[in-house]
Amino acid sequence: MVGDAPGDLQAARAAGALFYPVVPGKEPESWKRFYNEAFDRFLKGQFAGGYEKKLITEFENSLPGKPPWEK
């Protein structure tokens, strides 16, 4: 599953799916990484595990403490 919000990650986990995050503020870079790197890893069975965890950590670290509409 591809997503750009914490709820997307939760939905992927609930469904037992892998998750590719689109990092807020880095959308062009995220899609470029997907095209150049992540999709190939997925097809080769190399996405799950450490690679996916690294992407999710980057995603989670990019999220603000509060959503912009709550400031």
N, C-alpha and C. Protein backbone atom coordinates (compact mmCIF):
# COMPACT_ATOMS: atom_id res chain seq x y z
N MET A 1 0.85 -1.17 0.00
CA MET A 1 0.00 0.00 0.00
C MET A 1 0.89 1.23 0.00
N VAL A 2 0.48 2.24 -0.71
CA VAL A 2 1.18 3.52 -0.75
C VAL A 2 0.32 4.53 -0.02
N GLY A 3 0.94 5.36 0.82
CA GLY A 3 0.17 6.36 1.54
C GLY A 3 1.02 7.50 2.04
N ASP A 4 0.32 8.55 2.50
CA ASP A 4 1.02 9.74 2.97
C ASP A 4 0.52 10.21 4.33
N ALA A 5 -0.14 9.32 5.07
CA ALA A 5 -0.68 9.69 6.36
C ALA A 5 -0.55 8.52 7.35
N PRO A 6 -0.50 8.83 8.63
CA PRO A 6 -0.42 7.76 9.64
C PRO A 6 -1.57 6.76 9.52
N GLY A 7 -2.77 7.24 9.16
CA GLY A 7 -3.90 6.34 8.99
C GLY A 7 -3.69 5.35 7.86
N ASP A 8 -2.95 5.75 6.84
CA ASP A 8 -2.63 4.84 5.74
C ASP A 8 -1.71 3.72 6.23
N LEU A 9 -0.75 4.08 7.06
CA LEU A 9 0.15 3.07 7.63
C LEU A 9 -0.64 2.11 8.52
N GLN A 10 -1.53 2.63 9.34
CA GLN A 10 -2.36 1.79 10.20
C GLN A 10 -3.22 0.84 9.37
N ALA A 11 -3.79 1.35 8.29
CA ALA A 11 -4.62 0.50 7.42
C ALA A 11 -3.80 -0.61 6.78
N ALA A 12 -2.59 -0.27 6.35
CA ALA A 12 -1.72 -1.28 5.75
C ALA A 12 -1.39 -2.37 6.77
N ARG A 13 -1.07 -1.97 7.98
CA ARG A 13 -0.76 -2.94 9.03
C ARG A 13 -1.97 -3.82 9.34
N ALA A 14 -3.14 -3.20 9.43
CA ALA A 14 -4.37 -3.95 9.72
C ALA A 14 -4.67 -4.98 8.63
N ALA A 15 -4.30 -4.64 7.41
CA ALA A 15 -4.54 -5.54 6.27
C ALA A 15 -3.40 -6.53 6.05
N GLY A 16 -2.33 -6.39 6.82
CA GLY A 16 -1.17 -7.27 6.63
C GLY A 16 -0.39 -6.96 5.37
N ALA A 17 -0.48 -5.70 4.93
CA ALA A 17 0.19 -5.28 3.69
C ALA A 17 1.49 -4.55 3.97
N LEU A 18 2.38 -4.56 3.01
CA LEU A 18 3.57 -3.73 3.07
C LEU A 18 3.14 -2.29 2.86
N PHE A 19 4.00 -1.35 3.30
CA PHE A 19 3.64 0.07 3.19
C PHE A 19 4.81 0.86 2.62
N TYR A 20 4.51 1.63 1.59
CA TYR A 20 5.48 2.58 1.05
C TYR A 20 4.98 3.98 1.37
N PRO A 21 5.73 4.71 2.22
CA PRO A 21 5.29 6.04 2.59
C PRO A 21 5.73 7.12 1.61
N VAL A 22 4.81 8.03 1.36
CA VAL A 22 5.12 9.26 0.64
C VAL A 22 5.34 10.30 1.73
N VAL A 23 6.57 10.76 1.87
CA VAL A 23 6.95 11.64 2.98
C VAL A 23 6.42 13.05 2.75
N PRO A 24 5.65 13.56 3.72
CA PRO A 24 5.13 14.93 3.60
C PRO A 24 6.27 15.95 3.44
N GLY A 25 6.10 16.83 2.46
CA GLY A 25 7.13 17.81 2.17
C GLY A 25 8.22 17.31 1.24
N LYS A 26 8.23 16.01 1.01
CA LYS A 26 9.22 15.40 0.12
C LYS A 26 8.53 14.49 -0.90
N GLU A 27 7.38 14.94 -1.36
CA GLU A 27 6.61 14.12 -2.29
C GLU A 27 7.36 13.79 -3.57
N PRO A 28 7.97 14.78 -4.26
CA PRO A 28 8.70 14.43 -5.48
C PRO A 28 9.83 13.42 -5.24
N GLU A 29 10.55 13.61 -4.13
CA GLU A 29 11.65 12.69 -3.80
C GLU A 29 11.11 11.29 -3.49
N SER A 30 9.97 11.24 -2.80
CA SER A 30 9.38 9.95 -2.46
C SER A 30 8.98 9.17 -3.71
N TRP A 31 8.34 9.86 -4.66
CA TRP A 31 7.93 9.18 -5.89
C TRP A 31 9.13 8.78 -6.74
N LYS A 32 10.16 9.60 -6.72
CA LYS A 32 11.38 9.25 -7.46
C LYS A 32 12.01 8.00 -6.86
N ARG A 33 12.07 7.93 -5.52
CA ARG A 33 12.62 6.74 -4.85
C ARG A 33 11.78 5.52 -5.17
N PHE A 34 10.47 5.69 -5.19
CA PHE A 34 9.59 4.56 -5.52
C PHE A 34 9.92 4.02 -6.90
N TYR A 35 10.02 4.92 -7.86
CA TYR A 35 10.30 4.54 -9.25
C TYR A 35 11.70 3.94 -9.42
N ASN A 36 12.69 4.57 -8.82
CA ASN A 36 14.08 4.17 -9.03
C ASN A 36 14.56 3.04 -8.14
N GLU A 37 13.86 2.77 -7.05
CA GLU A 37 14.42 1.84 -6.06
C GLU A 37 13.38 0.90 -5.46
N ALA A 38 12.35 1.45 -4.85
CA ALA A 38 11.44 0.66 -4.02
C ALA A 38 10.64 -0.37 -4.82
N PHE A 39 10.11 0.02 -5.97
CA PHE A 39 9.28 -0.90 -6.74
C PHE A 39 10.08 -2.13 -7.17
N ASP A 40 11.31 -1.93 -7.58
CA ASP A 40 12.17 -3.05 -7.97
C ASP A 40 12.42 -3.97 -6.78
N ARG A 41 12.67 -3.39 -5.61
CA ARG A 41 12.86 -4.20 -4.40
C ARG A 41 11.61 -5.01 -4.09
N PHE A 42 10.45 -4.39 -4.26
CA PHE A 42 9.20 -5.10 -4.03
C PHE A 42 9.09 -6.30 -4.96
N LEU A 43 9.34 -6.09 -6.23
CA LEU A 43 9.24 -7.19 -7.21
C LEU A 43 10.22 -8.31 -6.92
N LYS A 44 11.38 -7.98 -6.38
CA LYS A 44 12.41 -8.97 -6.07
C LYS A 44 12.27 -9.59 -4.69
N GLY A 45 11.24 -9.18 -3.94
CA GLY A 45 11.04 -9.71 -2.59
C GLY A 45 12.01 -9.15 -1.57
N GLN A 46 12.55 -7.95 -1.84
CA GLN A 46 13.54 -7.33 -0.96
C GLN A 46 13.01 -6.08 -0.26
N PHE A 47 11.72 -5.88 -0.28
CA PHE A 47 11.14 -4.67 0.30
C PHE A 47 10.88 -4.82 1.80
N ALA A 48 10.29 -5.95 2.19
CA ALA A 48 9.93 -6.19 3.58
C ALA A 48 11.17 -6.24 4.47
N GLY A 49 10.98 -5.89 5.72
CA GLY A 49 12.09 -5.96 6.67
C GLY A 49 12.78 -4.63 6.84
N GLY A 50 14.09 -4.66 6.81
CA GLY A 50 14.90 -3.48 7.09
C GLY A 50 14.65 -2.31 6.16
N TYR A 51 14.45 -2.58 4.88
CA TYR A 51 14.22 -1.49 3.92
C TYR A 51 12.91 -0.77 4.22
N GLU A 52 11.84 -1.54 4.37
CA GLU A 52 10.55 -0.93 4.68
C GLU A 52 10.62 -0.19 6.02
N LYS A 53 11.26 -0.78 7.00
CA LYS A 53 11.38 -0.14 8.32
C LYS A 53 12.11 1.20 8.21
N LYS A 54 13.17 1.25 7.41
CA LYS A 54 13.92 2.50 7.21
C LYS A 54 13.02 3.58 6.62
N LEU A 55 12.22 3.22 5.62
CA LEU A 55 11.32 4.18 4.99
C LEU A 55 10.25 4.67 5.96
N ILE A 56 9.71 3.76 6.75
CA ILE A 56 8.67 4.13 7.71
C ILE A 56 9.24 5.02 8.80
N THR A 57 10.44 4.73 9.25
CA THR A 57 11.09 5.59 10.26
C THR A 57 11.27 7.00 9.72
N GLU A 58 11.74 7.12 8.49
CA GLU A 58 11.89 8.44 7.86
C GLU A 58 10.54 9.15 7.78
N PHE A 59 9.51 8.40 7.41
CA PHE A 59 8.16 8.94 7.32
C PHE A 59 7.68 9.44 8.69
N GLU A 60 7.80 8.61 9.70
CA GLU A 60 7.33 8.97 11.04
C GLU A 60 8.10 10.17 11.59
N ASN A 61 9.38 10.24 11.32
CA ASN A 61 10.19 11.37 11.80
C ASN A 61 9.84 12.68 11.09
N SER A 62 9.21 12.60 9.93
CA SER A 62 8.85 13.81 9.18
C SER A 62 7.51 14.39 9.62
N LEU A 63 6.74 13.61 10.35
CA LEU A 63 5.40 14.05 10.75
C LEU A 63 5.50 15.09 11.87
N PRO A 64 4.66 16.13 11.79
CA PRO A 64 4.66 17.14 12.86
C PRO A 64 4.03 16.56 14.13
N GLY A 65 4.36 17.16 15.26
CA GLY A 65 3.76 16.74 16.52
C GLY A 65 2.26 16.93 16.53
N LYS A 66 1.80 17.99 15.89
CA LYS A 66 0.38 18.28 15.76
C LYS A 66 0.07 18.52 14.30
N PRO A 67 -1.10 18.11 13.85
CA PRO A 67 -1.49 18.43 12.48
C PRO A 67 -1.58 19.95 12.30
N PRO A 68 -1.30 20.45 11.12
CA PRO A 68 -1.32 21.89 10.88
C PRO A 68 -2.62 22.58 11.26
N TRP A 69 -3.74 21.88 11.11
CA TRP A 69 -5.03 22.49 11.40
C TRP A 69 -5.30 22.61 12.91
N GLU A 70 -4.44 22.02 13.76
CA GLU A 70 -4.62 22.11 15.20
C GLU A 70 -3.72 23.17 15.84
N LYS A 71 -2.96 23.90 15.07
CA LYS A 71 -2.04 24.91 15.64
C LYS A 71 -2.76 26.14 16.06
